[in-house]
């Protein structure tokens, strides 16, 4: 399955005036949204992926899969599918 076919598990738009950080799990994957950026968070579907837990943390959100140890996280931004890394700064993909 190609990442572009992964399940959309979360959508977010940064409507603030500062960067928003989305931390994925406890591994060092992070997506940084500048003001006005919008994403769809994609993950390879597995039986242990959902439901997600989403916590508000200082400067952004922390997202955890249900029991999946290390989901194959990607984001769709401006029509591009991007592998989440540490960090993934979306302004570099504009």
C-alpha atoms as a PDB file:
ATOM      1  CA  UNK A   1       0.000   0.000   0.000  1.00  0.00           C
ATOM      2  CA  UNK A   2       1.358   3.406  -0.967  1.00  0.00           C
ATOM      3  CA  UNK A   3       1.391   6.180   1.677  1.00  0.00           C
ATOM      4  CA  UNK A   4      -0.997   8.239  -0.477  1.00  0.00           C
ATOM      5  CA  UNK A   5      -3.560   5.439   0.102  1.00  0.00           C
ATOM      6  CA  UNK A   6      -3.126   5.415   3.901  1.00  0.00           C
ATOM      7  CA  UNK A   7      -6.014   6.166   6.203  1.00  0.00           C
ATOM      8  CA  UNK A   8      -6.657   9.811   7.105  1.00  0.00           C
ATOM      9  CA  UNK A   9      -6.702   9.668  10.904  1.00  0.00           C
ATOM     10  CA  UNK A  10      -6.643  13.362  11.794  1.00  0.00           C
ATOM     11  CA  UNK A  11      -6.973  16.775  10.139  1.00  0.00           C
ATOM     12  CA  UNK A  12      -5.684  20.012  11.581  1.00  0.00           C
ATOM     13  CA  UNK A  13      -5.412  23.662  10.564  1.00  0.00           C
ATOM     14  CA  UNK A  14      -3.175  26.090  12.410  1.00  0.00           C
ATOM     15  CA  UNK A  15      -5.393  29.133  12.908  1.00  0.00           C
ATOM     16  CA  UNK A  16      -3.021  30.749  15.397  1.00  0.00           C
ATOM     17  CA  UNK A  17      -0.337  33.386  14.868  1.00  0.00           C
ATOM     18  CA  UNK A  18       2.534  31.072  15.859  1.00  0.00           C
ATOM     19  CA  UNK A  19       3.913  27.678  14.854  1.00  0.00           C
ATOM     20  CA  UNK A  20       1.992  24.603  15.987  1.00  0.00           C
ATOM     21  CA  UNK A  21       3.942  21.415  16.712  1.00  0.00           C
ATOM     22  CA  UNK A  22       2.333  18.023  16.275  1.00  0.00           C
ATOM     23  CA  UNK A  23       4.309  15.366  18.126  1.00  0.00           C
ATOM     24  CA  UNK A  24       3.681  11.820  16.927  1.00  0.00           C
ATOM     25  CA  UNK A  25       3.998   9.157  19.599  1.00  0.00           C
ATOM     26  CA  UNK A  26       7.049   9.198  21.837  1.00  0.00           C
ATOM     27  CA  UNK A  27       9.473   8.692  18.952  1.00  0.00           C
ATOM     28  CA  UNK A  28      11.087  11.792  17.512  1.00  0.00           C
ATOM     29  CA  UNK A  29       8.546  12.481  14.756  1.00  0.00           C
ATOM     30  CA  UNK A  30       7.266  16.017  14.719  1.00  0.00           C
ATOM     31  CA  UNK A  31       5.364  18.110  12.189  1.00  0.00           C
ATOM     32  CA  UNK A  32       5.604  21.903  12.428  1.00  0.00           C
ATOM     33  CA  UNK A  33       2.707  23.882  10.975  1.00  0.00           C
ATOM     34  CA  UNK A  34       3.217  27.596  10.390  1.00  0.00           C
ATOM     35  CA  UNK A  35       0.190  29.897  10.744  1.00  0.00           C
ATOM     36  CA  UNK A  36      -2.409  29.077   8.083  1.00  0.00           C
ATOM     37  CA  UNK A  37      -1.064  25.601   7.301  1.00  0.00           C
ATOM     38  CA  UNK A  38      -3.516  22.685   7.136  1.00  0.00           C
ATOM     39  CA  UNK A  39      -2.718  18.962   7.042  1.00  0.00           C
ATOM     40  CA  UNK A  40      -4.246  15.547   6.944  1.00  0.00           C
ATOM     41  CA  UNK A  41      -2.382  13.030   9.094  1.00  0.00           C
ATOM     42  CA  UNK A  42      -2.091   9.643   7.379  1.00  0.00           C
ATOM     43  CA  UNK A  43      -1.156   6.277   8.852  1.00  0.00           C
ATOM     44  CA  UNK A  44      -0.962   2.756   7.501  1.00  0.00           C
ATOM     45  CA  UNK A  45      -4.147   1.043   8.661  1.00  0.00           C
ATOM     46  CA  UNK A  46      -3.650  -1.723  11.216  1.00  0.00           C
ATOM     47  CA  UNK A  47      -5.931  -3.292  13.810  1.00  0.00           C
ATOM     48  CA  UNK A  48      -3.950  -1.554  16.600  1.00  0.00           C
ATOM     49  CA  UNK A  49      -3.949   1.990  15.166  1.00  0.00           C
ATOM     50  CA  UNK A  50      -7.285   3.426  16.285  1.00  0.00           C
ATOM     51  CA  UNK A  51      -8.623   5.092  18.315  1.00  0.00           C
ATOM     52  CA  UNK A  52      -6.038   7.857  18.591  1.00  0.00           C
ATOM     53  CA  UNK A  53      -5.368   9.761  21.774  1.00  0.00           C
ATOM     54  CA  UNK A  54      -4.771  13.476  21.221  1.00  0.00           C
ATOM     55  CA  UNK A  55      -3.422  15.591  24.065  1.00  0.00           C
ATOM     56  CA  UNK A  56      -2.953  19.348  24.089  1.00  0.00           C
ATOM     57  CA  UNK A  57       0.621  20.183  25.091  1.00  0.00           C
ATOM     58  CA  UNK A  58       2.491  23.461  25.227  1.00  0.00           C
ATOM     59  CA  UNK A  59       2.921  24.672  21.666  1.00  0.00           C
ATOM     60  CA  UNK A  60       0.820  21.997  19.992  1.00  0.00           C
ATOM     61  CA  UNK A  61      -0.576  18.483  20.127  1.00  0.00           C
ATOM     62  CA  UNK A  62       0.731  15.040  21.097  1.00  0.00           C
ATOM     63  CA  UNK A  63      -0.838  12.168  19.140  1.00  0.00           C
ATOM     64  CA  UNK A  64      -0.705   8.502  20.146  1.00  0.00           C
ATOM     65  CA  UNK A  65      -1.975   5.434  18.327  1.00  0.00           C
ATOM     66  CA  UNK A  66      -4.028   2.954  20.349  1.00  0.00           C
ATOM     67  CA  UNK A  67      -1.602   0.007  20.544  1.00  0.00           C
ATOM     68  CA  UNK A  68       0.474   0.394  17.382  1.00  0.00           C
ATOM     69  CA  UNK A  69       4.097   0.824  18.475  1.00  0.00           C
ATOM     70  CA  UNK A  70       5.381   2.956  15.588  1.00  0.00           C
ATOM     71  CA  UNK A  71       2.806   3.836  12.919  1.00  0.00           C
ATOM     72  CA  UNK A  72       4.064   4.806   9.487  1.00  0.00           C
ATOM     73  CA  UNK A  73       3.047   8.465   9.847  1.00  0.00           C
ATOM     74  CA  UNK A  74       2.747  10.715   6.801  1.00  0.00           C
ATOM     75  CA  UNK A  75       1.063  14.072   6.240  1.00  0.00           C
ATOM     76  CA  UNK A  76      -0.750  15.405   3.212  1.00  0.00           C
ATOM     77  CA  UNK A  77       0.107  19.082   2.769  1.00  0.00           C
ATOM     78  CA  UNK A  78      -0.734  21.142  -0.317  1.00  0.00           C
ATOM     79  CA  UNK A  79      -1.398  17.924  -2.249  1.00  0.00           C
ATOM     80  CA  UNK A  80       1.983  16.382  -1.331  1.00  0.00           C
ATOM     81  CA  UNK A  81       2.357  13.257   0.818  1.00  0.00           C
ATOM     82  CA  UNK A  82       5.332  13.722   3.145  1.00  0.00           C
ATOM     83  CA  UNK A  83       6.927  11.191   5.542  1.00  0.00           C
ATOM     84  CA  UNK A  84       6.939  12.612   9.070  1.00  0.00           C
ATOM     85  CA  UNK A  85      10.466  13.079  10.381  1.00  0.00           C
ATOM     86  CA  UNK A  86      12.244  15.017  13.076  1.00  0.00           C
ATOM     87  CA  UNK A  87      11.212  17.662  12.517  1.00  0.00           C
ATOM     88  CA  UNK A  88       9.155  18.053   9.381  1.00  0.00           C
ATOM     89  CA  UNK A  89       8.816  21.797   8.804  1.00  0.00           C
ATOM     90  CA  UNK A  90       5.994  22.297   6.344  1.00  0.00           C
ATOM     91  CA  UNK A  91       7.210  25.723   5.248  1.00  0.00           C
ATOM     92  CA  UNK A  92      10.030  23.833   3.469  1.00  0.00           C
ATOM     93  CA  UNK A  93       7.352  22.170   1.262  1.00  0.00           C
ATOM     94  CA  UNK A  94       5.481  25.302   0.174  1.00  0.00           C
END
